[in-house]
PDB file of N, CA and C in Angstrom:
ATOM      1  N   MET A   1       0.968  -1.319   0.409  1.00  0.00           N
ATOM      2  CA  MET A   1      -0.088   0.250  -0.152  1.00  0.00           C
ATOM      3  C   MET A   1       0.837   1.257  -0.196  1.00  0.00           C
ATOM      4  N   GLU A   2       0.594   2.566  -0.733  1.00  0.00           N
ATOM      5  CA  GLU A   2       1.323   3.636  -0.775  1.00  0.00           C
ATOM      6  C   GLU A   2       0.987   4.269  -0.165  1.00  0.00           C
ATOM      7  N   ASN A   3       2.389   4.800   0.675  1.00  0.00           N
ATOM      8  CA  ASN A   3       2.156   5.364   2.087  1.00  0.00           C
ATOM      9  C   ASN A   3       1.975   6.975   1.869  1.00  0.00           C
ATOM     10  N   ILE A   4       1.148   7.574   1.701  1.00  0.00           N
ATOM     11  CA  ILE A   4       1.227   8.852   1.647  1.00  0.00           C
ATOM     12  C   ILE A   4       0.497   9.477   2.325  1.00  0.00           C
ATOM     13  N   GLU A   5       1.793  10.738   3.119  1.00  0.00           N
ATOM     14  CA  GLU A   5       1.567  11.702   3.892  1.00  0.00           C
ATOM     15  C   GLU A   5       0.756  13.390   3.408  1.00  0.00           C
ATOM     16  N   LYS A   6      -0.465  13.237   4.806  1.00  0.00           N
ATOM     17  CA  LYS A   6      -1.196  14.221   4.688  1.00  0.00           C
ATOM     18  C   LYS A   6      -0.779  15.756   5.665  1.00  0.00           C
ATOM     19  N   ARG A   7      -0.596  16.680   4.813  1.00  0.00           N
ATOM     20  CA  ARG A   7      -0.147  17.341   5.869  1.00  0.00           C
ATOM     21  C   ARG A   7      -1.402  18.257   6.109  1.00  0.00           C
ATOM     22  N   ILE A   8      -1.629  18.332   7.587  1.00  0.00           N
ATOM     23  CA  ILE A   8      -2.883  19.138   8.325  1.00  0.00           C
ATOM     24  C   ILE A   8      -2.440  20.622   8.329  1.00  0.00           C
ATOM     25  N   GLU A   9      -3.125  21.366   7.683  1.00  0.00           N
ATOM     26  CA  GLU A   9      -2.761  22.998   7.472  1.00  0.00           C
ATOM     27  C   GLU A   9      -4.287  23.235   9.182  1.00  0.00           C
ATOM     28  N   PRO A  10      -3.168  23.854   9.806  1.00  0.00           N
ATOM     29  CA  PRO A  10      -3.833  24.938  10.548  1.00  0.00           C
ATOM     30  C   PRO A  10      -4.870  25.703  10.392  1.00  0.00           C
ATOM     31  N   LEU A  11      -6.517  25.584  10.783  1.00  0.00           N
ATOM     32  CA  LEU A  11      -7.359  26.901  10.658  1.00  0.00           C
ATOM     33  C   LEU A  11      -7.121  28.087  11.213  1.00  0.00           C
ATOM     34  N   VAL A  12      -6.057  28.457  12.368  1.00  0.00           N
ATOM     35  CA  VAL A  12      -5.557  29.692  12.482  1.00  0.00           C
ATOM     36  C   VAL A  12      -4.167  29.542  12.976  1.00  0.00           C
ATOM     37  N   TYR A  13      -3.794  30.755  12.608  1.00  0.00           N
ATOM     38  CA  TYR A  13      -2.087  30.900  12.671  1.00  0.00           C
ATOM     39  C   TYR A  13      -1.851  32.171  14.274  1.00  0.00           C
ATOM     40  N   THR A  14      -1.092  31.604  14.942  1.00  0.00           N
ATOM     41  CA  THR A  14      -0.332  32.566  15.665  1.00  0.00           C
ATOM     42  C   THR A  14       0.243  33.628  15.080  1.00  0.00           C
ATOM     43  N   ILE A  15       0.574  34.942  15.858  1.00  0.00           N
ATOM     44  CA  ILE A  15       1.315  36.087  14.929  1.00  0.00           C
ATOM     45  C   ILE A  15       2.565  35.527  14.456  1.00  0.00           C
ATOM     46  N   GLU A  16       3.682  34.406  15.040  1.00  0.00           N
ATOM     47  CA  GLU A  16       4.303  33.655  14.777  1.00  0.00           C
ATOM     48  C   GLU A  16       4.517  32.838  13.929  1.00  0.00           C
ATOM     49  N   GLU A  17       3.145  31.901  13.894  1.00  0.00           N
ATOM     50  CA  GLU A  17       3.027  31.443  12.591  1.00  0.00           C
ATOM     51  C   GLU A  17       3.052  32.154  11.515  1.00  0.00           C
ATOM     52  N   LEU A  18       2.345  33.286  11.654  1.00  0.00           N
ATOM     53  CA  LEU A  18       1.813  34.317  10.359  1.00  0.00           C
ATOM     54  C   LEU A  18       3.166  34.694   9.899  1.00  0.00           C
ATOM     55  N   ALA A  19       4.185  35.394  10.680  1.00  0.00           N
ATOM     56  CA  ALA A  19       5.259  35.824  10.157  1.00  0.00           C
ATOM     57  C   ALA A  19       5.998  34.289   9.131  1.00  0.00           C
ATOM     58  N   GLN A  20       5.683  33.422   9.530  1.00  0.00           N
ATOM     59  CA  GLN A  20       6.544  32.459   9.056  1.00  0.00           C
ATOM     60  C   GLN A  20       5.766  32.048   7.834  1.00  0.00           C
ATOM     61  N   VAL A  21       4.819  32.033   7.475  1.00  0.00           N
ATOM     62  CA  VAL A  21       4.224  31.485   6.188  1.00  0.00           C
ATOM     63  C   VAL A  21       3.777  32.659   5.694  1.00  0.00           C
ATOM     64  N   LEU A  22       4.092  34.026   5.802  1.00  0.00           N
ATOM     65  CA  LEU A  22       4.099  34.988   4.518  1.00  0.00           C
ATOM     66  C   LEU A  22       5.513  35.604   4.370  1.00  0.00           C
ATOM     67  N   GLN A  23       6.541  34.709   5.518  1.00  0.00           N
ATOM     68  CA  GLN A  23       8.174  35.390   4.979  1.00  0.00           C
ATOM     69  C   GLN A  23       8.713  36.521   5.136  1.00  0.00           C
ATOM     70  N   ILE A  24       7.860  36.929   6.641  1.00  0.00           N
ATOM     71  CA  ILE A  24       8.160  38.520   6.918  1.00  0.00           C
ATOM     72  C   ILE A  24       8.365  38.225   8.444  1.00  0.00           C
ATOM     73  N   GLY A  25       9.333  39.408   9.003  1.00  0.00           N
ATOM     74  CA  GLY A  25       9.536  39.552  10.163  1.00  0.00           C
ATOM     75  C   GLY A  25       8.281  39.657  11.151  1.00  0.00           C
ATOM     76  N   LEU A  26       8.525  39.108  12.343  1.00  0.00           N
ATOM     77  CA  LEU A  26       7.954  38.904  14.041  1.00  0.00           C
ATOM     78  C   LEU A  26       7.041  40.672  13.933  1.00  0.00           C
ATOM     79  N   SER A  27       8.115  41.279  13.789  1.00  0.00           N
ATOM     80  CA  SER A  27       7.611  42.871  14.291  1.00  0.00           C
ATOM     81  C   SER A  27       6.286  43.478  13.223  1.00  0.00           C
ATOM     82  N   LYS A  28       6.689  42.959  11.791  1.00  0.00           N
ATOM     83  CA  LYS A  28       6.253  43.122  10.532  1.00  0.00           C
ATOM     84  C   LYS A  28       4.673  42.324  10.401  1.00  0.00           C
ATOM     85  N   ALA A  29       4.421  41.284  11.319  1.00  0.00           N
ATOM     86  CA  ALA A  29       3.591  40.417  11.802  1.00  0.00           C
ATOM     87  C   ALA A  29       2.945  41.005  12.808  1.00  0.00           C
ATOM     88  N   TYR A  30       3.605  41.499  13.663  1.00  0.00           N
ATOM     89  CA  TYR A  30       2.337  41.967  14.554  1.00  0.00           C
ATOM     90  C   TYR A  30       2.064  43.664  14.115  1.00  0.00           C
ATOM     91  N   GLU A  31       2.764  43.991  13.265  1.00  0.00           N
ATOM     92  CA  GLU A  31       2.335  44.966  12.786  1.00  0.00           C
ATOM     93  C   GLU A  31       0.594  44.895  12.269  1.00  0.00           C
ATOM     94  N   LEU A  32       0.984  44.422  11.364  1.00  0.00           N
ATOM     95  CA  LEU A  32      -0.086  43.682  10.343  1.00  0.00           C
ATOM     96  C   LEU A  32      -1.568  43.664  10.873  1.00  0.00           C
ATOM     97  N   SER A  33      -1.195  42.573  12.092  1.00  0.00           N
ATOM     98  CA  SER A  33      -2.679  41.970  13.138  1.00  0.00           C
ATOM     99  C   SER A  33      -3.096  43.598  13.374  1.00  0.00           C
ATOM    100  N   ASP A  34      -2.355  45.195  13.845  1.00  0.00           N
ATOM    101  CA  ASP A  34      -3.124  46.241  14.496  1.00  0.00           C
ATOM    102  C   ASP A  34      -3.297  46.702  13.357  1.00  0.00           C
ATOM    103  N   LEU A  35      -3.557  46.148  12.005  1.00  0.00           N
ATOM    104  CA  LEU A  35      -4.337  47.348  11.058  1.00  0.00           C
ATOM    105  C   LEU A  35      -5.908  47.174  11.163  1.00  0.00           C
ATOM    106  N   LYS A  36      -6.697  48.191  10.899  1.00  0.00           N
ATOM    107  CA  LYS A  36      -7.806  48.069  10.975  1.00  0.00           C
ATOM    108  C   LYS A  36      -8.544  47.308   9.413  1.00  0.00           C
ATOM    109  N   GLY A  37      -9.187  46.429   9.931  1.00  0.00           N
ATOM    110  CA  GLY A  37      -9.636  45.210   8.715  1.00  0.00           C
ATOM    111  C   GLY A  37      -9.016  44.255   9.087  1.00  0.00           C
ATOM    112  N   PHE A  38      -7.771  43.887   9.421  1.00  0.00           N
ATOM    113  CA  PHE A  38      -6.945  42.572   9.549  1.00  0.00           C
ATOM    114  C   PHE A  38      -7.440  41.359  10.127  1.00  0.00           C
ATOM    115  N   PRO A  39      -7.460  40.290   9.553  1.00  0.00           N
ATOM    116  CA  PRO A  39      -8.672  39.457  10.230  1.00  0.00           C
ATOM    117  C   PRO A  39      -7.567  38.661  11.518  1.00  0.00           C
ATOM    118  N   VAL A  40      -7.681  39.566  12.688  1.00  0.00           N
ATOM    119  CA  VAL A  40      -6.930  38.638  13.693  1.00  0.00           C
ATOM    120  C   VAL A  40      -8.257  38.781  15.295  1.00  0.00           C
ATOM    121  N   LYS A  41      -8.387  38.160  15.815  1.00  0.00           N
ATOM    122  CA  LYS A  41      -8.726  37.859  17.179  1.00  0.00           C
ATOM    123  C   LYS A  41      -8.266  37.760  17.914  1.00  0.00           C
ATOM    124  N   LYS A  42      -8.220  38.339  19.547  1.00  0.00           N
ATOM    125  CA  LYS A  42      -7.439  38.025  20.796  1.00  0.00           C
ATOM    126  C   LYS A  42      -8.429  37.083  21.574  1.00  0.00           C
ATOM    127  N   ILE A  43      -7.980  36.288  21.992  1.00  0.00           N
ATOM    128  CA  ILE A  43      -8.336  35.299  22.792  1.00  0.00           C
ATOM    129  C   ILE A  43      -6.875  35.581  23.985  1.00  0.00           C
ATOM    130  N   GLY A  44      -8.185  36.204  24.810  1.00  0.00           N
ATOM    131  CA  GLY A  44      -6.753  36.434  26.428  1.00  0.00           C
ATOM    132  C   GLY A  44      -5.734  37.470  25.996  1.00  0.00           C
ATOM    133  N   ARG A  45      -4.501  37.459  26.295  1.00  0.00           N
ATOM    134  CA  ARG A  45      -3.431  37.702  25.764  1.00  0.00           C
ATOM    135  C   ARG A  45      -3.399  37.876  24.270  1.00  0.00           C
ATOM    136  N   ARG A  46      -3.643  36.881  23.945  1.00  0.00           N
ATOM    137  CA  ARG A  46      -3.135  35.618  22.479  1.00  0.00           C
ATOM    138  C   ARG A  46      -3.847  36.669  21.378  1.00  0.00           C
ATOM    139  N   LYS A  47      -3.158  36.448  20.157  1.00  0.00           N
ATOM    140  CA  LYS A  47      -3.626  37.039  19.062  1.00  0.00           C
ATOM    141  C   LYS A  47      -3.714  35.890  18.003  1.00  0.00           C
ATOM    142  N   ILE A  48      -4.277  35.525  17.151  1.00  0.00           N
ATOM    143  CA  ILE A  48      -5.025  34.750  16.487  1.00  0.00           C
ATOM    144  C   ILE A  48      -5.663  34.740  14.961  1.00  0.00           C
ATOM    145  N   VAL A  49      -4.821  34.511  13.768  1.00  0.00           N
ATOM    146  CA  VAL A  49      -5.624  35.024  12.625  1.00  0.00           C
ATOM    147  C   VAL A  49      -6.296  33.675  11.408  1.00  0.00           C
ATOM    148  N   SER A  50      -7.009  33.522  11.543  1.00  0.00           N
ATOM    149  CA  SER A  50      -7.744  32.784  10.652  1.00  0.00           C
ATOM    150  C   SER A  50      -7.312  32.163   9.146  1.00  0.00           C
ATOM    151  N   ARG A  51      -7.224  31.165   8.860  1.00  0.00           N
ATOM    152  CA  ARG A  51      -6.265  30.857   7.670  1.00  0.00           C
ATOM    153  C   ARG A  51      -7.319  31.409   6.511  1.00  0.00           C
ATOM    154  N   ALA A  52      -8.558  31.344   6.707  1.00  0.00           N
ATOM    155  CA  ALA A  52      -9.848  31.424   5.659  1.00  0.00           C
ATOM    156  C   ALA A  52      -9.546  33.309   5.675  1.00  0.00           C
ATOM    157  N   GLY A  53      -9.466  33.639   6.697  1.00  0.00           N
ATOM    158  CA  GLY A  53      -9.791  35.356   7.067  1.00  0.00           C
ATOM    159  C   GLY A  53      -8.353  35.789   6.324  1.00  0.00           C
ATOM    160  N   LEU A  54      -7.485  35.172   6.553  1.00  0.00           N
ATOM    161  CA  LEU A  54      -5.879  35.950   5.721  1.00  0.00           C
ATOM    162  C   LEU A  54      -5.986  35.233   4.256  1.00  0.00           C
ATOM    163  N   GLU A  55      -6.775  34.846   3.894  1.00  0.00           N
ATOM    164  CA  GLU A  55      -6.333  34.348   2.341  1.00  0.00           C
ATOM    165  C   GLU A  55      -7.318  35.587   1.640  1.00  0.00           C
ATOM    166  N   GLN A  56      -8.665  35.840   2.546  1.00  0.00           N
ATOM    167  CA  GLN A  56      -9.494  36.594   2.202  1.00  0.00           C
ATOM    168  C   GLN A  56      -8.922  37.894   2.146  1.00  0.00           C
ATOM    169  N   TRP A  57      -8.146  38.191   3.148  1.00  0.00           N
ATOM    170  CA  TRP A  57      -7.842  39.645   3.299  1.00  0.00           C
ATOM    171  C   TRP A  57      -6.576  39.735   1.979  1.00  0.00           C
ATOM    172  N   LEU A  58      -5.939  38.899   1.897  1.00  0.00           N
ATOM    173  CA  LEU A  58      -4.893  39.185   1.339  1.00  0.00           C
ATOM    174  C   LEU A  58      -4.966  39.171  -0.309  1.00  0.00           C
ATOM    175  N   SER A  59      -5.766  38.382  -0.411  1.00  0.00           N
ATOM    176  CA  SER A  59      -6.788  38.751  -1.923  1.00  0.00           C
ATOM    177  C   SER A  59      -7.537  39.968  -2.113  1.00  0.00           C
ATOM    178  N   GLU A  60      -8.305  40.345  -1.431  1.00  0.00           N
ATOM    179  CA  GLU A  60      -8.553  42.083  -1.416  1.00  0.00           C
ATOM    180  C   GLU A  60      -7.264  43.049  -1.227  1.00  0.00           C
ATOM    181  N   ASN A  61      -6.182  42.915  -0.851  1.00  0.00           N
ATOM    182  CA  ASN A  61      -5.260  43.812  -0.093  1.00  0.00           C
ATOM    183  C   ASN A  61      -4.072  43.616  -0.560  1.00  0.00           C
ATOM    184  N   ASN A  62      -4.197  43.212  -2.388  1.00  0.00           N
ATOM    185  CA  ASN A  62      -3.118  42.463  -2.760  1.00  0.00           C
ATOM    186  C   ASN A  62      -1.799  43.401  -2.803  1.00  0.00           C
ATOM    187  N   GLY A  63      -1.884  44.978  -2.591  1.00  0.00           N
ATOM    188  CA  GLY A  63      -0.861  45.888  -2.406  1.00  0.00           C
ATOM    189  C   GLY A  63      -0.889  46.605  -1.559  1.00  0.00           C
ATOM    190  N   TRP A  64      -0.805  45.597  -0.446  1.00  0.00           N
ATOM    191  CA  TRP A  64      -0.319  45.879   1.356  1.00  0.00           C
ATOM    192  C   TRP A  64       1.128  46.076   1.089  1.00  0.00           C
TER     193      TRP A  64
END
């Protein structure tokens, strides 16, 4: 039987993961998370970004 490795993509990203996904620095990722309209939610002191929200935001703001 063929061994197929499936990669499970997370539904949300931390700011650190966001920086890795977008290949930007951590300080720039925090800057983005503070922009009006950016798809970030706070849970306590933790900020998370939904993958779907990020994809939509990127398609609508391709000149950011």
